[in-house]
Structure formats: structure tokens, C-alpha cells
Amino acid sequence: MGSKQSLRVAAGAAVAGLAWGYMRHRRDPRASSFAVLQALEWFIAYGGAIALIELVRGALDEDDDLEVTERITHIRQTVFDQAAGEG
């Protein structure tokens, strides 16, 4: 499964976890906090963190493919003296 597809599956799991967490703790005053925590747990369990890391790593690796230009930092000039009588 590709990282984008894994990310979609994990996002779906997070949405389901959010709904499940809210339904499970709906009478608790901290129901939204529990729901977000449940969504995060399911997102990680279904590979969401790994998929995000792979996407970021892939984006960083694409920057390496840019054309590299060489920069001249200094020029060396050598001068030779001709000996007297030559030339």
C-alpha cells in the first residue's frame, strides 16, 4: 500500500475514532478530549504516523534532484618568467 493510500486509511480511522470516542464518553464533560485522544490512537494504530513521515521524507528527497551548480570561489593565476636569452 502506498503512503498516500495508507494516509487515507489512517485518516478514515481517525474520523471513526473521533466518532467512537465521542459516543463512548458522551456523558463525560471531557468527551471532546477523549474523542480526540481516541482519534489520535486509531490514526497511529492504522499507520498514519508512518505514512506522514514517508511523505515528508519523499518531499525532502525530491529537493536533492535539483540541478547542482558549481560556484567559483577563487581564481589562481600563475605567471612564468622567461629566462634571459630565451625567446
Protein backbone atom coordinates (compact mmCIF):
# COMPACT_ATOMS: atom_id res chain seq x y z
CA MET A 1 0.00 0.00 0.00
CA GLY A 2 1.39 3.42 -0.92
CA SER A 3 1.96 6.08 1.68
CA LYS A 4 -0.85 8.26 0.31
CA GLN A 5 -3.29 5.37 0.47
CA SER A 6 -2.10 4.49 3.97
CA LEU A 7 -2.62 8.08 5.00
CA ARG A 8 -6.20 7.98 3.68
CA VAL A 9 -6.93 4.78 5.59
CA ALA A 10 -5.44 6.24 8.76
CA ALA A 11 -7.42 9.48 8.31
CA GLY A 12 -10.58 7.42 7.96
CA ALA A 13 -9.68 5.54 11.12
CA ALA A 14 -9.13 8.87 12.90
CA VAL A 15 -12.59 10.08 11.89
CA ALA A 16 -14.10 6.80 13.05
CA GLY A 17 -12.12 7.03 16.30
CA LEU A 18 -13.35 10.57 16.85
CA ALA A 19 -16.97 9.44 16.45
CA TRP A 20 -16.44 6.33 18.58
CA GLY A 21 -14.65 8.26 21.32
CA TYR A 22 -17.37 10.88 21.47
CA MET A 23 -20.17 8.30 21.54
CA ARG A 24 -18.41 6.28 24.20
CA HIS A 25 -17.82 9.29 26.51
CA ARG A 26 -20.76 11.48 25.53
CA ARG A 27 -21.92 11.97 29.13
CA ASP A 28 -18.47 12.96 30.37
CA PRO A 29 -17.68 16.71 30.47
CA ARG A 30 -14.37 15.95 28.73
CA ALA A 31 -15.98 13.96 25.91
CA SER A 32 -14.30 16.01 23.17
CA SER A 33 -10.86 15.45 24.72
CA PHE A 34 -11.45 11.73 24.94
CA ALA A 35 -12.72 11.69 21.37
CA VAL A 36 -9.61 13.47 20.06
CA LEU A 37 -7.39 11.09 22.03
CA GLN A 38 -9.26 8.09 20.57
CA ALA A 39 -8.90 9.54 17.06
CA LEU A 40 -5.16 10.01 17.57
CA GLU A 41 -4.76 6.46 18.87
CA TRP A 42 -6.56 5.00 15.86
CA PHE A 43 -4.68 7.23 13.43
CA ILE A 44 -1.35 5.99 14.78
CA ALA A 45 -2.53 2.37 15.01
CA TYR A 46 -3.52 2.35 11.33
CA GLY A 47 -0.12 3.66 10.21
CA GLY A 48 -0.86 7.36 9.92
CA ALA A 49 2.34 8.50 11.61
CA ILE A 50 4.48 6.29 9.38
CA ALA A 51 2.67 7.50 6.27
CA LEU A 52 3.22 11.14 7.24
CA ILE A 53 6.92 10.52 7.84
CA GLU A 54 7.26 8.77 4.46
CA LEU A 55 5.55 11.66 2.67
CA VAL A 56 7.79 14.23 4.34
CA ARG A 57 10.90 12.16 3.63
CA GLY A 58 9.85 11.80 -0.02
CA ALA A 59 9.33 15.55 -0.31
CA LEU A 60 12.78 16.19 1.13
CA ASP A 61 14.39 13.65 -1.21
CA GLU A 62 12.85 15.39 -4.23
CA ASP A 63 14.85 18.52 -3.38
CA ASP A 64 18.08 16.55 -3.91
CA ASP A 65 17.20 16.06 -7.58
CA LEU A 66 17.59 19.75 -8.33
CA GLU A 67 20.39 20.74 -10.67
CA VAL A 68 23.55 21.43 -8.75
CA THR A 69 25.58 24.37 -9.98
CA GLU A 70 29.23 24.81 -9.20
CA ARG A 71 30.29 28.10 -7.73
CA ILE A 72 33.71 29.60 -8.37
CA THR A 73 35.18 30.85 -5.13
CA HIS A 74 38.64 31.95 -6.30
CA ILE A 75 40.83 32.07 -9.39
CA ARG A 76 44.51 31.20 -9.37
CA GLN A 77 46.78 32.91 -11.87
CA THR A 78 50.29 31.62 -12.43
CA VAL A 79 52.94 33.81 -14.12
CA PHE A 80 56.15 32.31 -15.52
CA ASP A 81 59.23 34.47 -16.09
CA GLN A 82 61.20 33.64 -19.18
CA ALA A 83 64.91 33.30 -18.64
CA ALA A 84 67.07 35.95 -20.35
CA GLY A 85 68.29 34.87 -23.74
CA GLU A 86 65.34 32.66 -24.50
CA GLY A 87 62.53 33.69 -26.67
